[in-house]
ModelCIF file with pLDDT and N, C-alpha, C, O atoms, coordinates in Angstrom:
data_MODEL
#
_entry.id   MODEL 
#
_entity.id                         1 
_entity.type                       polymer 
_entity.pdbx_number_of_molecules   1 
#
_entity_poly.entity_id                      1 
_entity_poly.type                           'polypeptide(L)' 
_entity_poly.nstd_linkage                   no 
_entity_poly.nstd_monomer                   no 
_entity_poly.pdbx_seq_one_letter_code       AQKQSLFDRRLLAPAIVDSFRKLNPASLAKNPVIFITALVAALATALL 
_entity_poly.pdbx_seq_one_letter_code_can   AQKQSLFDRRLLAPAIVDSFRKLNPASLAKNPVIFITALVAALATALL 
_entity_poly.pdbx_strand_id                 A 
#
loop_
_entity_poly_seq.entity_id 
_entity_poly_seq.num 
_entity_poly_seq.mon_id 
_entity_poly_seq.hetero 
1 1  ALA n 
1 2  GLN n 
1 3  LYS n 
1 4  GLN n 
1 5  SER n 
1 6  LEU n 
1 7  PHE n 
1 8  ASP n 
1 9  ARG n 
1 10 ARG n 
1 11 LEU n 
1 12 LEU n 
1 13 ALA n 
1 14 PRO n 
1 15 ALA n 
1 16 ILE n 
1 17 VAL n 
1 18 ASP n 
1 19 SER n 
1 20 PHE n 
1 21 ARG n 
1 22 LYS n 
1 23 LEU n 
1 24 ASN n 
1 25 PRO n 
1 26 ALA n 
1 27 SER n 
1 28 LEU n 
1 29 ALA n 
1 30 LYS n 
1 31 ASN n 
1 32 PRO n 
1 33 VAL n 
1 34 ILE n 
1 35 PHE n 
1 36 ILE n 
1 37 THR n 
1 38 ALA n 
1 39 LEU n 
1 40 VAL n 
1 41 ALA n 
1 42 ALA n 
1 43 LEU n 
1 44 ALA n 
1 45 THR n 
1 46 ALA n 
1 47 LEU n 
1 48 LEU n 
#
_struct_asym.id          A 
_struct_asym.entity_id   1 
#
loop_
_ma_qa_metric.id 
_ma_qa_metric.mode 
_ma_qa_metric.name 
_ma_qa_metric.software_group_id 
_ma_qa_metric.type 
1 global pLDDT . pLDDT 
2 local  pLDDT . pLDDT 
#
_ma_qa_metric_global.metric_id      1 
_ma_qa_metric_global.metric_value   82.62 
_ma_qa_metric_global.model_id       1 
_ma_qa_metric_global.ordinal_id     1 
#
loop_
_ma_qa_metric_local.label_asym_id 
_ma_qa_metric_local.label_comp_id 
_ma_qa_metric_local.label_seq_id 
_ma_qa_metric_local.metric_id 
_ma_qa_metric_local.metric_value 
_ma_qa_metric_local.model_id 
_ma_qa_metric_local.ordinal_id 
A ALA 1  2 42.00 1 1  
A GLN 2  2 43.00 1 2  
A LYS 3  2 46.00 1 3  
A GLN 4  2 49.00 1 4  
A SER 5  2 54.00 1 5  
A LEU 6  2 56.00 1 6  
A PHE 7  2 58.00 1 7  
A ASP 8  2 64.00 1 8  
A ARG 9  2 70.00 1 9  
A ARG 10 2 71.00 1 10 
A LEU 11 2 75.00 1 11 
A LEU 12 2 82.00 1 12 
A ALA 13 2 83.00 1 13 
A PRO 14 2 83.00 1 14 
A ALA 15 2 86.00 1 15 
A ILE 16 2 89.00 1 16 
A VAL 17 2 90.00 1 17 
A ASP 18 2 90.00 1 18 
A SER 19 2 92.00 1 19 
A PHE 20 2 93.00 1 20 
A ARG 21 2 92.00 1 21 
A LYS 22 2 92.00 1 22 
A LEU 23 2 92.00 1 23 
A ASN 24 2 92.00 1 24 
A PRO 25 2 91.00 1 25 
A ALA 26 2 88.00 1 26 
A SER 27 2 87.00 1 27 
A LEU 28 2 90.00 1 28 
A ALA 29 2 88.00 1 29 
A LYS 30 2 85.00 1 30 
A ASN 31 2 88.00 1 31 
A PRO 32 2 89.00 1 32 
A VAL 33 2 91.00 1 33 
A ILE 34 2 92.00 1 34 
A PHE 35 2 93.00 1 35 
A ILE 36 2 92.00 1 36 
A THR 37 2 93.00 1 37 
A ALA 38 2 94.00 1 38 
A LEU 39 2 94.00 1 39 
A VAL 40 2 92.00 1 40 
A ALA 41 2 93.00 1 41 
A ALA 42 2 94.00 1 42 
A LEU 43 2 92.00 1 43 
A ALA 44 2 92.00 1 44 
A THR 45 2 93.00 1 45 
A ALA 46 2 92.00 1 46 
A LEU 47 2 89.00 1 47 
A LEU 48 2 90.00 1 48 
#
loop_
_atom_site.group_PDB 
_atom_site.id 
_atom_site.type_symbol 
_atom_site.label_atom_id 
_atom_site.label_alt_id 
_atom_site.label_comp_id 
_atom_site.label_asym_id 
_atom_site.label_entity_id 
_atom_site.label_seq_id 
_atom_site.pdbx_PDB_ins_code 
_atom_site.Cartn_x 
_atom_site.Cartn_y 
_atom_site.Cartn_z 
_atom_site.occupancy 
_atom_site.B_iso_or_equiv 
_atom_site.pdbx_formal_charge 
_atom_site.auth_seq_id 
_atom_site.auth_comp_id 
_atom_site.auth_asym_id 
_atom_site.auth_atom_id 
_atom_site.pdbx_PDB_model_num 
ATOM 1   N N  . ALA A 1 1  ? 81.296  87.817  93.985  1.00 42.00 ? 1  ALA A N  1 
ATOM 2   C CA . ALA A 1 1  ? 82.502  88.592  94.251  1.00 42.00 ? 1  ALA A CA 1 
ATOM 3   C C  . ALA A 1 1  ? 82.088  89.910  94.867  1.00 42.00 ? 1  ALA A C  1 
ATOM 4   O O  . ALA A 1 1  ? 81.193  90.584  94.356  1.00 42.00 ? 1  ALA A O  1 
ATOM 5   N N  . GLN A 1 2  ? 82.728  90.282  95.956  1.00 43.00 ? 2  GLN A N  1 
ATOM 6   C CA . GLN A 1 2  ? 82.405  91.525  96.614  1.00 43.00 ? 2  GLN A CA 1 
ATOM 7   C C  . GLN A 1 2  ? 82.990  92.675  95.823  1.00 43.00 ? 2  GLN A C  1 
ATOM 8   O O  . GLN A 1 2  ? 84.178  92.677  95.500  1.00 43.00 ? 2  GLN A O  1 
ATOM 9   N N  . LYS A 1 3  ? 82.149  93.660  95.510  1.00 46.00 ? 3  LYS A N  1 
ATOM 10  C CA . LYS A 1 3  ? 82.577  94.793  94.722  1.00 46.00 ? 3  LYS A CA 1 
ATOM 11  C C  . LYS A 1 3  ? 83.240  95.823  95.623  1.00 46.00 ? 3  LYS A C  1 
ATOM 12  O O  . LYS A 1 3  ? 82.813  96.018  96.761  1.00 46.00 ? 3  LYS A O  1 
ATOM 13  N N  . GLN A 1 4  ? 84.272  96.480  95.128  1.00 49.00 ? 4  GLN A N  1 
ATOM 14  C CA . GLN A 1 4  ? 84.952  97.519  95.880  1.00 49.00 ? 4  GLN A CA 1 
ATOM 15  C C  . GLN A 1 4  ? 85.537  98.521  94.910  1.00 49.00 ? 4  GLN A C  1 
ATOM 16  O O  . GLN A 1 4  ? 86.162  98.149  93.917  1.00 49.00 ? 4  GLN A O  1 
ATOM 17  N N  . SER A 1 5  ? 85.331  99.800  95.203  1.00 54.00 ? 5  SER A N  1 
ATOM 18  C CA . SER A 1 5  ? 85.853  100.861 94.352  1.00 54.00 ? 5  SER A CA 1 
ATOM 19  C C  . SER A 1 5  ? 87.368  100.827 94.357  1.00 54.00 ? 5  SER A C  1 
ATOM 20  O O  . SER A 1 5  ? 87.991  100.538 95.379  1.00 54.00 ? 5  SER A O  1 
ATOM 21  N N  . LEU A 1 6  ? 87.967  101.128 93.186  1.00 56.00 ? 6  LEU A N  1 
ATOM 22  C CA . LEU A 1 6  ? 89.422  101.120 93.113  1.00 56.00 ? 6  LEU A CA 1 
ATOM 23  C C  . LEU A 1 6  ? 90.029  102.152 94.050  1.00 56.00 ? 6  LEU A C  1 
ATOM 24  O O  . LEU A 1 6  ? 91.053  101.893 94.682  1.00 56.00 ? 6  LEU A O  1 
ATOM 25  N N  . PHE A 1 7  ? 89.400  103.325 94.144  1.00 58.00 ? 7  PHE A N  1 
ATOM 26  C CA . PHE A 1 7  ? 89.909  104.379 95.010  1.00 58.00 ? 7  PHE A CA 1 
ATOM 27  C C  . PHE A 1 7  ? 88.797  104.840 95.955  1.00 58.00 ? 7  PHE A C  1 
ATOM 28  O O  . PHE A 1 7  ? 88.256  105.936 95.805  1.00 58.00 ? 7  PHE A O  1 
ATOM 29  N N  . ASP A 1 8  ? 88.470  104.002 96.915  1.00 64.00 ? 8  ASP A N  1 
ATOM 30  C CA . ASP A 1 8  ? 87.491  104.351 97.933  1.00 64.00 ? 8  ASP A CA 1 
ATOM 31  C C  . ASP A 1 8  ? 88.034  105.519 98.753  1.00 64.00 ? 8  ASP A C  1 
ATOM 32  O O  . ASP A 1 8  ? 89.191  105.506 99.173  1.00 64.00 ? 8  ASP A O  1 
ATOM 33  N N  . ARG A 1 9  ? 87.195  106.526 98.977  1.00 70.00 ? 9  ARG A N  1 
ATOM 34  C CA . ARG A 1 9  ? 87.652  107.705 99.714  1.00 70.00 ? 9  ARG A CA 1 
ATOM 35  C C  . ARG A 1 9  ? 88.175  107.338 101.102 1.00 70.00 ? 9  ARG A C  1 
ATOM 36  O O  . ARG A 1 9  ? 89.100  107.965 101.618 1.00 70.00 ? 9  ARG A O  1 
ATOM 37  N N  . ARG A 1 10 ? 87.567  106.313 101.691 1.00 71.00 ? 10 ARG A N  1 
ATOM 38  C CA . ARG A 1 10 ? 88.003  105.915 103.031 1.00 71.00 ? 10 ARG A CA 1 
ATOM 39  C C  . ARG A 1 10 ? 89.400  105.301 103.021 1.00 71.00 ? 10 ARG A C  1 
ATOM 40  O O  . ARG A 1 10 ? 90.047  105.214 104.065 1.00 71.00 ? 10 ARG A O  1 
ATOM 41  N N  . LEU A 1 11 ? 89.863  104.881 101.861 1.00 75.00 ? 11 LEU A N  1 
ATOM 42  C CA . LEU A 1 11 ? 91.178  104.249 101.773 1.00 75.00 ? 11 LEU A CA 1 
ATOM 43  C C  . LEU A 1 11 ? 92.283  105.225 101.398 1.00 75.00 ? 11 LEU A C  1 
ATOM 44  O O  . LEU A 1 11 ? 93.456  104.956 101.657 1.00 75.00 ? 11 LEU A O  1 
ATOM 45  N N  . LEU A 1 12 ? 91.926  106.364 100.787 1.00 82.00 ? 12 LEU A N  1 
ATOM 46  C CA . LEU A 1 12 ? 92.938  107.271 100.255 1.00 82.00 ? 12 LEU A CA 1 
ATOM 47  C C  . LEU A 1 12 ? 93.803  107.875 101.352 1.00 82.00 ? 12 LEU A C  1 
ATOM 48  O O  . LEU A 1 12 ? 95.030  107.849 101.261 1.00 82.00 ? 12 LEU A O  1 
ATOM 49  N N  . ALA A 1 13 ? 93.165  108.422 102.397 1.00 83.00 ? 13 ALA A N  1 
ATOM 50  C CA . ALA A 1 13 ? 93.938  109.079 103.463 1.00 83.00 ? 13 ALA A CA 1 
ATOM 51  C C  . ALA A 1 13 ? 94.895  108.102 104.154 1.00 83.00 ? 13 ALA A C  1 
ATOM 52  O O  . ALA A 1 13 ? 96.070  108.430 104.314 1.00 83.00 ? 13 ALA A O  1 
ATOM 53  N N  . PRO A 1 14 ? 94.428  106.891 104.577 1.00 83.00 ? 14 PRO A N  1 
ATOM 54  C CA . PRO A 1 14 ? 95.376  105.935 105.166 1.00 83.00 ? 14 PRO A CA 1 
ATOM 55  C C  . PRO A 1 14 ? 96.490  105.524 104.206 1.00 83.00 ? 14 PRO A C  1 
ATOM 56  O O  . PRO A 1 14 ? 97.628  105.311 104.622 1.00 83.00 ? 14 PRO A O  1 
ATOM 57  N N  . ALA A 1 15 ? 96.151  105.414 102.907 1.00 86.00 ? 15 ALA A N  1 
ATOM 58  C CA . ALA A 1 15 ? 97.175  105.016 101.935 1.00 86.00 ? 15 ALA A CA 1 
ATOM 59  C C  . ALA A 1 15 ? 98.233  106.100 101.780 1.00 86.00 ? 15 ALA A C  1 
ATOM 60  O O  . ALA A 1 15 ? 99.417  105.797 101.630 1.00 86.00 ? 15 ALA A O  1 
ATOM 61  N N  . ILE A 1 16 ? 97.816  107.356 101.814 1.00 89.00 ? 16 ILE A N  1 
ATOM 62  C CA . ILE A 1 16 ? 98.781  108.460 101.721 1.00 89.00 ? 16 ILE A CA 1 
ATOM 63  C C  . ILE A 1 16 ? 99.712  108.447 102.934 1.00 89.00 ? 16 ILE A C  1 
ATOM 64  O O  . ILE A 1 16 ? 100.921 108.631 102.800 1.00 89.00 ? 16 ILE A O  1 
ATOM 65  N N  . VAL A 1 17 ? 99.131  108.225 104.126 1.00 90.00 ? 17 VAL A N  1 
ATOM 66  C CA . VAL A 1 17 ? 99.950  108.153 105.348 1.00 90.00 ? 17 VAL A CA 1 
ATOM 67  C C  . VAL A 1 17 ? 100.924 106.982 105.256 1.00 90.00 ? 17 VAL A C  1 
ATOM 68  O O  . VAL A 1 17 ? 102.096 107.116 105.608 1.00 90.00 ? 17 VAL A O  1 
ATOM 69  N N  . ASP A 1 18 ? 100.432 105.824 104.778 1.00 90.00 ? 18 ASP A N  1 
ATOM 70  C CA . ASP A 1 18 ? 101.293 104.649 104.647 1.00 90.00 ? 18 ASP A CA 1 
ATOM 71  C C  . ASP A 1 18 ? 102.409 104.875 103.633 1.00 90.00 ? 18 ASP A C  1 
ATOM 72  O O  . ASP A 1 18 ? 103.487 104.292 103.755 1.00 90.00 ? 18 ASP A O  1 
ATOM 73  N N  . SER A 1 19 ? 102.155 105.724 102.626 1.00 92.00 ? 19 SER A N  1 
ATOM 74  C CA . SER A 1 19 ? 103.189 106.015 101.625 1.00 92.00 ? 19 SER A CA 1 
ATOM 75  C C  . SER A 1 19 ? 104.410 106.639 102.285 1.00 92.00 ? 19 SER A C  1 
ATOM 76  O O  . SER A 1 19 ? 105.543 106.364 101.888 1.00 92.00 ? 19 SER A O  1 
ATOM 77  N N  . PHE A 1 20 ? 104.183 107.481 103.291 1.00 93.00 ? 20 PHE A N  1 
ATOM 78  C CA . PHE A 1 20 ? 105.301 108.095 104.007 1.00 93.00 ? 20 PHE A CA 1 
ATOM 79  C C  . PHE A 1 20 ? 105.921 107.108 105.000 1.00 93.00 ? 20 PHE A C  1 
ATOM 80  O O  . PHE A 1 20 ? 107.135 107.110 105.205 1.00 93.00 ? 20 PHE A O  1 
ATOM 81  N N  . ARG A 1 21 ? 105.087 106.266 105.612 1.00 92.00 ? 21 ARG A N  1 
ATOM 82  C CA . ARG A 1 21 ? 105.619 105.268 106.539 1.00 92.00 ? 21 ARG A CA 1 
ATOM 83  C C  . ARG A 1 21 ? 106.549 104.294 105.826 1.00 92.00 ? 21 ARG A C  1 
ATOM 84  O O  . ARG A 1 21 ? 107.539 103.832 106.393 1.00 92.00 ? 21 ARG A O  1 
ATOM 85  N N  . LYS A 1 22 ? 106.215 103.992 104.582 1.00 92.00 ? 22 LYS A N  1 
ATOM 86  C CA . LYS A 1 22 ? 107.018 103.039 103.822 1.00 92.00 ? 22 LYS A CA 1 
ATOM 87  C C  . LYS A 1 22 ? 108.354 103.624 103.359 1.00 92.00 ? 22 LYS A C  1 
ATOM 88  O O  . LYS A 1 22 ? 109.132 102.938 102.697 1.00 92.00 ? 22 LYS A O  1 
ATOM 89  N N  . LEU A 1 23 ? 108.627 104.899 103.706 1.00 92.00 ? 23 LEU A N  1 
ATOM 90  C CA . LEU A 1 23 ? 109.952 105.464 103.428 1.00 92.00 ? 23 LEU A CA 1 
ATOM 91  C C  . LEU A 1 23 ? 111.004 104.887 104.350 1.00 92.00 ? 23 LEU A C  1 
ATOM 92  O O  . LEU A 1 23 ? 112.198 105.133 104.176 1.00 92.00 ? 23 LEU A O  1 
ATOM 93  N N  . ASN A 1 24 ? 110.562 104.120 105.331 1.00 92.00 ? 24 ASN A N  1 
ATOM 94  C CA . ASN A 1 24 ? 111.476 103.404 106.218 1.00 92.00 ? 24 ASN A CA 1 
ATOM 95  C C  . ASN A 1 24 ? 112.408 102.534 105.363 1.00 92.00 ? 24 ASN A C  1 
ATOM 96  O O  . ASN A 1 24 ? 111.923 101.733 104.563 1.00 92.00 ? 24 ASN A O  1 
ATOM 97  N N  . PRO A 1 25 ? 113.732 102.671 105.511 1.00 91.00 ? 25 PRO A N  1 
ATOM 98  C CA . PRO A 1 25 ? 114.665 101.893 104.673 1.00 91.00 ? 25 PRO A CA 1 
ATOM 99  C C  . PRO A 1 25 ? 114.409 100.395 104.710 1.00 91.00 ? 25 PRO A C  1 
ATOM 100 O O  . PRO A 1 25 ? 114.586 99.710  103.703 1.00 91.00 ? 25 PRO A O  1 
ATOM 101 N N  . ALA A 1 26 ? 113.992 99.878  105.867 1.00 88.00 ? 26 ALA A N  1 
ATOM 102 C CA . ALA A 1 26 ? 113.726 98.439  105.966 1.00 88.00 ? 26 ALA A CA 1 
ATOM 103 C C  . ALA A 1 26 ? 112.579 98.037  105.048 1.00 88.00 ? 26 ALA A C  1 
ATOM 104 O O  . ALA A 1 26 ? 112.585 96.942  104.486 1.00 88.00 ? 26 ALA A O  1 
ATOM 105 N N  . SER A 1 27 ? 111.592 98.922  104.895 1.00 87.00 ? 27 SER A N  1 
ATOM 106 C CA . SER A 1 27 ? 110.470 98.644  104.002 1.00 87.00 ? 27 SER A CA 1 
ATOM 107 C C  . SER A 1 27 ? 110.875 98.830  102.542 1.00 87.00 ? 27 SER A C  1 
ATOM 108 O O  . SER A 1 27 ? 110.512 98.024  101.686 1.00 87.00 ? 27 SER A O  1 
ATOM 109 N N  . LEU A 1 28 ? 111.632 99.898  102.260 1.00 90.00 ? 28 LEU A N  1 
ATOM 110 C CA . LEU A 1 28 ? 112.055 100.165 100.886 1.00 90.00 ? 28 LEU A CA 1 
ATOM 111 C C  . LEU A 1 28 ? 112.978 99.079  100.354 1.00 90.00 ? 28 LEU A C  1 
ATOM 112 O O  . LEU A 1 28 ? 112.975 98.786  99.158  1.00 90.00 ? 28 LEU A O  1 
ATOM 113 N N  . ALA A 1 29 ? 113.766 98.483  101.240 1.00 88.00 ? 29 ALA A N  1 
ATOM 114 C CA . ALA A 1 29 ? 114.754 97.488  100.804 1.00 88.00 ? 29 ALA A CA 1 
ATOM 115 C C  . ALA A 1 29 ? 114.099 96.267  100.171 1.00 88.00 ? 29 ALA A C  1 
ATOM 116 O O  . ALA A 1 29 ? 114.766 95.519  99.456  1.00 88.00 ? 29 ALA A O  1 
ATOM 117 N N  . LYS A 1 30 ? 112.798 96.046  100.418 1.00 85.00 ? 30 LYS A N  1 
ATOM 118 C CA . LYS A 1 30 ? 112.100 94.909  99.824  1.00 85.00 ? 30 LYS A CA 1 
ATOM 119 C C  . LYS A 1 30 ? 111.882 95.095  98.324  1.00 85.00 ? 30 LYS A C  1 
ATOM 120 O O  . LYS A 1 30 ? 111.596 94.138  97.605  1.00 85.00 ? 30 LYS A O  1 
ATOM 121 N N  . ASN A 1 31 ? 112.022 96.344  97.860  1.00 88.00 ? 31 ASN A N  1 
ATOM 122 C CA . ASN A 1 31 ? 111.848 96.642  96.436  1.00 88.00 ? 31 ASN A CA 1 
ATOM 123 C C  . ASN A 1 31 ? 113.134 97.286  95.927  1.00 88.00 ? 31 ASN A C  1 
ATOM 124 O O  . ASN A 1 31 ? 113.310 98.494  96.084  1.00 88.00 ? 31 ASN A O  1 
ATOM 125 N N  . PRO A 1 32 ? 114.039 96.510  95.320  1.00 89.00 ? 32 PRO A N  1 
ATOM 126 C CA . PRO A 1 32 ? 115.371 97.020  94.958  1.00 89.00 ? 32 PRO A CA 1 
ATOM 127 C C  . PRO A 1 32 ? 115.350 98.282  94.101  1.00 89.00 ? 32 PRO A C  1 
ATOM 128 O O  . PRO A 1 32 ? 116.128 99.201  94.356  1.00 89.00 ? 32 PRO A O  1 
ATOM 129 N N  . VAL A 1 33 ? 114.482 98.351  93.094  1.00 91.00 ? 33 VAL A N  1 
ATOM 130 C CA . VAL A 1 33 ? 114.467 99.503  92.190  1.00 91.00 ? 33 VAL A CA 1 
ATOM 131 C C  . VAL A 1 33 ? 114.058 100.769 92.930  1.00 91.00 ? 33 VAL A C  1 
ATOM 132 O O  . VAL A 1 33 ? 114.699 101.809 92.779  1.00 91.00 ? 33 VAL A O  1 
ATOM 133 N N  . ILE A 1 34 ? 112.999 100.690 93.726  1.00 92.00 ? 34 ILE A N  1 
ATOM 134 C CA . ILE A 1 34 ? 112.538 101.867 94.456  1.00 92.00 ? 34 ILE A CA 1 
ATOM 135 C C  . ILE A 1 34 ? 113.508 102.218 95.571  1.00 92.00 ? 34 ILE A C  1 
ATOM 136 O O  . ILE A 1 34 ? 113.648 103.391 95.918  1.00 92.00 ? 34 ILE A O  1 
ATOM 137 N N  . PHE A 1 35 ? 114.174 101.230 96.133  1.00 93.00 ? 35 PHE A N  1 
ATOM 138 C CA . PHE A 1 35 ? 115.193 101.494 97.153  1.00 93.00 ? 35 PHE A CA 1 
ATOM 139 C C  . PHE A 1 35 ? 116.342 102.308 96.554  1.00 93.00 ? 35 PHE A C  1 
ATOM 140 O O  . PHE A 1 35 ? 116.820 103.265 97.164  1.00 93.00 ? 35 PHE A O  1 
ATOM 141 N N  . ILE A 1 36 ? 116.779 101.918 95.351  1.00 92.00 ? 36 ILE A N  1 
ATOM 142 C CA . ILE A 1 36 ? 117.840 102.661 94.658  1.00 92.00 ? 36 ILE A CA 1 
ATOM 143 C C  . ILE A 1 36 ? 117.363 104.080 94.346  1.00 92.00 ? 36 ILE A C  1 
ATOM 144 O O  . ILE A 1 36 ? 118.111 105.046 94.502  1.00 92.00 ? 36 ILE A O  1 
ATOM 145 N N  . THR A 1 37 ? 116.109 104.192 93.904  1.00 93.00 ? 37 THR A N  1 
ATOM 146 C CA . THR A 1 37 ? 115.542 105.512 93.604  1.00 93.00 ? 37 THR A CA 1 
ATOM 147 C C  . THR A 1 37 ? 115.538 106.394 94.845  1.00 93.00 ? 37 THR A C  1 
ATOM 148 O O  . THR A 1 37 ? 115.860 107.579 94.769  1.00 93.00 ? 37 THR A O  1 
ATOM 149 N N  . ALA A 1 38 ? 115.174 105.817 95.991  1.00 94.00 ? 38 ALA A N  1 
ATOM 150 C CA . ALA A 1 38 ? 115.161 106.586 97.238  1.00 94.00 ? 38 ALA A CA 1 
ATOM 151 C C  . ALA A 1 38 ? 116.574 107.009 97.637  1.00 94.00 ? 38 ALA A C  1 
ATOM 152 O O  . ALA A 1 38 ? 116.771 108.114 98.144  1.00 94.00 ? 38 ALA A O  1 
ATOM 153 N N  . LEU A 1 39 ? 117.556 106.135 97.412  1.00 94.00 ? 39 LEU A N  1 
ATOM 154 C CA . LEU A 1 39 ? 118.945 106.473 97.756  1.00 94.00 ? 39 LEU A CA 1 
ATOM 155 C C  . LEU A 1 39 ? 119.443 107.657 96.935  1.00 94.00 ? 39 LEU A C  1 
ATOM 156 O O  . LEU A 1 39 ? 120.041 108.586 97.479  1.00 94.00 ? 39 LEU A O  1 
ATOM 157 N N  . VAL A 1 40 ? 119.199 107.626 95.627  1.00 92.00 ? 40 VAL A N  1 
ATOM 158 C CA . VAL A 1 40 ? 119.693 108.718 94.792  1.00 92.00 ? 40 VAL A CA 1 
ATOM 159 C C  . VAL A 1 40 ? 118.880 109.991 95.031  1.00 92.00 ? 40 VAL A C  1 
ATOM 160 O O  . VAL A 1 40 ? 119.394 111.097 94.866  1.00 92.00 ? 40 VAL A O  1 
ATOM 161 N N  . ALA A 1 41 ? 117.596 109.835 95.424  1.00 93.00 ? 41 ALA A N  1 
ATOM 162 C CA . ALA A 1 41 ? 116.803 111.014 95.786  1.00 93.00 ? 41 ALA A CA 1 
ATOM 163 C C  . ALA A 1 41 ? 117.366 111.661 97.042  1.00 93.00 ? 41 ALA A C  1 
ATOM 164 O O  . ALA A 1 41 ? 117.410 112.887 97.149  1.00 93.00 ? 41 ALA A O  1 
ATOM 165 N N  . ALA A 1 42 ? 117.800 110.833 97.996  1.00 94.00 ? 42 ALA A N  1 
ATOM 166 C CA . ALA A 1 42 ? 118.408 111.372 99.213  1.00 94.00 ? 42 ALA A CA 1 
ATOM 167 C C  . ALA A 1 42 ? 119.730 112.071 98.888  1.00 94.00 ? 42 ALA A C  1 
ATOM 168 O O  . ALA A 1 42 ? 120.035 113.118 99.459  1.00 94.00 ? 42 ALA A O  1 
ATOM 169 N N  . LEU A 1 43 ? 120.512 111.497 97.974  1.00 92.00 ? 43 LEU A N  1 
ATOM 170 C CA . LEU A 1 43 ? 121.759 112.128 97.558  1.00 92.00 ? 43 LEU A CA 1 
ATOM 171 C C  . LEU A 1 43 ? 121.488 113.468 96.876  1.00 92.00 ? 43 LEU A C  1 
ATOM 172 O O  . LEU A 1 43 ? 122.172 114.456 97.141  1.00 92.00 ? 43 LEU A O  1 
ATOM 173 N N  . ALA A 1 44 ? 120.488 113.493 95.997  1.00 92.00 ? 44 ALA A N  1 
ATOM 174 C CA . ALA A 1 44 ? 120.136 114.744 95.323  1.00 92.00 ? 44 ALA A CA 1 
ATOM 175 C C  . ALA A 1 44 ? 119.669 115.794 96.321  1.00 92.00 ? 44 ALA A C  1 
ATOM 176 O O  . ALA A 1 44 ? 119.951 116.981 96.157  1.00 92.00 ? 44 ALA A O  1 
ATOM 177 N N  . THR A 1 45 ? 118.951 115.355 97.359  1.00 93.00 ? 45 THR A N  1 
ATOM 178 C CA . THR A 1 45 ? 118.495 116.288 98.400  1.00 93.00 ? 45 THR A CA 1 
ATOM 179 C C  . THR A 1 45 ? 119.680 116.898 99.134  1.00 93.00 ? 45 THR A C  1 
ATOM 180 O O  . THR A 1 45 ? 119.701 118.096 99.415  1.00 93.00 ? 45 THR A O  1 
ATOM 181 N N  . ALA A 1 46 ? 120.668 116.059 99.442  1.00 92.00 ? 46 ALA A N  1 
ATOM 182 C CA . ALA A 1 46 ? 121.861 116.558 100.132 1.00 92.00 ? 46 ALA A CA 1 
ATOM 183 C C  . ALA A 1 46 ? 122.609 117.573 99.265  1.00 92.00 ? 46 ALA A C  1 
ATOM 184 O O  . ALA A 1 46 ? 123.084 118.595 99.761  1.00 92.00 ? 46 ALA A O  1 
ATOM 185 N N  . LEU A 1 47 ? 122.708 117.282 97.973  1.00 89.00 ? 47 LEU A N  1 
ATOM 186 C CA . LEU A 1 47 ? 123.368 118.216 97.066  1.00 89.00 ? 47 LEU A CA 1 
ATOM 187 C C  . LEU A 1 47 ? 122.594 119.532 96.963  1.00 89.00 ? 47 LEU A C  1 
ATOM 188 O O  . LEU A 1 47 ? 123.192 120.606 96.897  1.00 89.00 ? 47 LEU A O  1 
ATOM 189 N N  . LEU A 1 48 ? 121.274 119.443 96.950  1.00 90.00 ? 48 LEU A N  1 
ATOM 190 C CA . LEU A 1 48 ? 120.450 120.649 96.889  1.00 90.00 ? 48 LEU A CA 1 
ATOM 191 C C  . LEU A 1 48 ? 120.645 121.508 98.139  1.00 90.00 ? 48 LEU A C  1 
ATOM 192 O O  . LEU A 1 48 ? 120.029 122.567 98.262  1.00 90.00 ? 48 LEU A O  1 
#
């Protein structure tokens, strides 16, 4: 089995960038709970 660090430094920066890319509603919609969380976060932002 090929060994790989859980948090390889080379993977962290791309993963952080991908975290923002996945804010795309089409991507979020694949996960209903997180999609709902994003919707109410957007509503809270508008209220703020």
